[in-house]
Amino acid sequence: VRRAWMASPTSVQDMFLASVRQARENNGAAPNDPLRAQGSGAFPEMATQFIREGQEAGEFRRDLDPAFMGLIFVTQLISTAGFWISSAERDPRIYQDHTLQVVSVMLNGMGRS
């Protein structure tokens, strides 16, 4: 699971950029967003499920609460997007680099020790 996640960081970045772009275009409302239809907990729940699967596969530590780790993971990614949006230079490479750093820190921190 961890290898697959790290192998496709662009999809995560694209999802965040599309969500931010759509929210901005719709003044904060994204009526066509499938996650919106599921409620604001859909993305943390996806992250929680990802972490559970990693724990079941033996890739992530089992002593961590998957729901809490999912919430931390999503919070860090949203904070990264917010930091990038509010920065003077909105170079997508900076956002991609920061997102990869968050993903790397989270995955390595949750990894088996």
Protein backbone atom coordinates (compact mmCIF):
# COMPACT_ATOMS: atom_id res chain seq x y z
CA VAL A 1 0.00 0.00 0.00
CA ARG A 2 2.77 2.42 0.94
CA ARG A 3 4.69 1.75 -2.27
CA ALA A 4 1.56 2.29 -4.37
CA TRP A 5 0.80 5.53 -2.54
CA MET A 6 4.33 6.86 -3.00
CA ALA A 7 4.38 5.78 -6.64
CA SER A 8 1.40 7.98 -7.46
CA PRO A 9 1.79 11.25 -5.56
CA THR A 10 0.68 13.21 -8.61
CA SER A 11 -2.85 11.85 -8.22
CA VAL A 12 -3.02 13.23 -4.69
CA GLN A 13 -1.72 16.58 -5.82
CA ASP A 14 -4.10 16.66 -8.76
CA MET A 15 -7.03 15.86 -6.48
CA PHE A 16 -6.16 18.71 -4.13
CA LEU A 17 -5.54 21.19 -6.92
CA ALA A 18 -8.83 20.24 -8.60
CA SER A 19 -10.71 20.58 -5.31
CA VAL A 20 -9.17 23.97 -4.56
CA ARG A 21 -9.78 25.16 -8.11
CA GLN A 22 -13.39 23.98 -8.09
CA ALA A 23 -14.07 25.50 -4.68
CA ARG A 24 -12.57 28.81 -5.80
CA GLU A 25 -14.63 28.80 -9.01
CA ASN A 26 -17.81 28.06 -7.04
CA ASN A 27 -17.10 30.50 -4.18
CA GLY A 28 -16.39 27.67 -1.77
CA ALA A 29 -19.22 25.41 -2.93
CA ALA A 30 -18.32 22.46 -5.10
CA PRO A 31 -21.68 20.93 -6.11
CA ASN A 32 -20.16 18.36 -8.50
CA ASP A 33 -17.57 17.11 -6.02
CA PRO A 34 -18.32 13.44 -5.25
CA LEU A 35 -16.67 13.79 -1.83
CA ARG A 36 -19.02 16.67 -0.98
CA ALA A 37 -22.03 14.42 -1.50
CA GLN A 38 -20.58 12.05 1.10
CA GLY A 39 -20.03 14.84 3.62
CA SER A 40 -16.92 16.52 4.95
CA GLY A 41 -15.67 13.30 6.52
CA ALA A 42 -15.21 11.48 3.21
CA PHE A 43 -11.57 12.37 2.66
CA PRO A 44 -10.47 11.60 6.25
CA GLU A 45 -12.36 8.31 5.98
CA MET A 46 -10.48 7.46 2.76
CA ALA A 47 -7.20 8.18 4.55
CA THR A 48 -8.33 6.10 7.55
CA GLN A 49 -9.15 3.16 5.29
CA PHE A 50 -5.77 3.50 3.56
CA ILE A 51 -4.03 3.38 6.95
CA ARG A 52 -6.10 0.39 8.11
CA GLU A 53 -5.14 -1.49 4.95
CA GLY A 54 -1.49 -0.66 5.56
CA GLN A 55 -1.76 -1.92 9.12
CA GLU A 56 -3.45 -5.14 7.98
CA ALA A 57 -0.69 -5.64 5.39
CA GLY A 58 1.96 -5.12 8.08
CA GLU A 59 3.32 -1.96 6.45
CA PHE A 60 2.15 0.45 9.18
CA ARG A 61 2.48 0.26 12.94
CA ARG A 62 -0.52 -1.34 14.61
CA ASP A 63 -0.24 0.76 17.78
CA LEU A 64 -1.53 3.85 15.93
CA ASP A 65 -5.21 4.79 15.82
CA PRO A 66 -6.04 4.75 12.08
CA ALA A 67 -8.85 7.32 12.41
CA PHE A 68 -6.57 9.76 14.23
CA MET A 69 -3.70 9.19 11.79
CA GLY A 70 -6.13 9.69 8.87
CA LEU A 71 -7.27 12.99 10.36
CA ILE A 72 -3.68 14.14 10.92
CA PHE A 73 -2.74 13.11 7.39
CA VAL A 74 -5.63 15.03 5.80
CA THR A 75 -5.06 18.04 8.07
CA GLN A 76 -1.41 18.22 7.01
CA LEU A 77 -2.30 18.00 3.32
CA ILE A 78 -4.96 20.70 3.67
CA SER A 79 -2.50 22.89 5.60
CA THR A 80 0.03 22.40 2.82
CA ALA A 81 -2.53 23.48 0.23
CA GLY A 82 -3.49 26.51 2.35
CA PHE A 83 0.15 27.51 2.76
CA TRP A 84 0.69 27.24 -0.98
CA ILE A 85 -2.48 29.19 -1.82
CA SER A 86 -1.53 32.02 0.55
CA SER A 87 2.08 32.21 -0.62
CA ALA A 88 3.23 34.98 -2.93
CA GLU A 89 4.71 32.51 -5.39
CA ARG A 90 2.24 29.82 -6.44
CA ASP A 91 4.67 27.63 -8.26
CA PRO A 92 3.08 24.15 -8.54
CA ARG A 93 6.50 22.59 -8.02
CA ILE A 94 6.64 24.07 -4.51
CA TYR A 95 3.22 22.60 -3.72
CA GLN A 96 4.24 19.24 -5.14
CA ASP A 97 7.48 19.25 -3.16
CA HIS A 98 5.73 20.15 0.10
CA THR A 99 3.01 17.56 -0.51
CA LEU A 100 5.63 14.88 -1.12
CA GLN A 101 7.37 15.89 2.11
CA VAL A 102 4.11 15.52 4.07
CA VAL A 103 3.39 12.15 2.49
CA SER A 104 6.93 10.95 3.12
CA VAL A 105 6.96 12.04 6.77
CA MET A 106 3.55 10.51 7.45
CA LEU A 107 4.28 7.21 5.70
CA ASN A 108 7.72 6.82 7.21
CA GLY A 109 6.44 7.78 10.67
CA MET A 110 3.64 5.23 10.48
CA GLY A 111 5.92 2.55 9.06
CA ARG A 112 6.97 -0.44 11.08
CA SER A 113 9.98 0.28 13.23
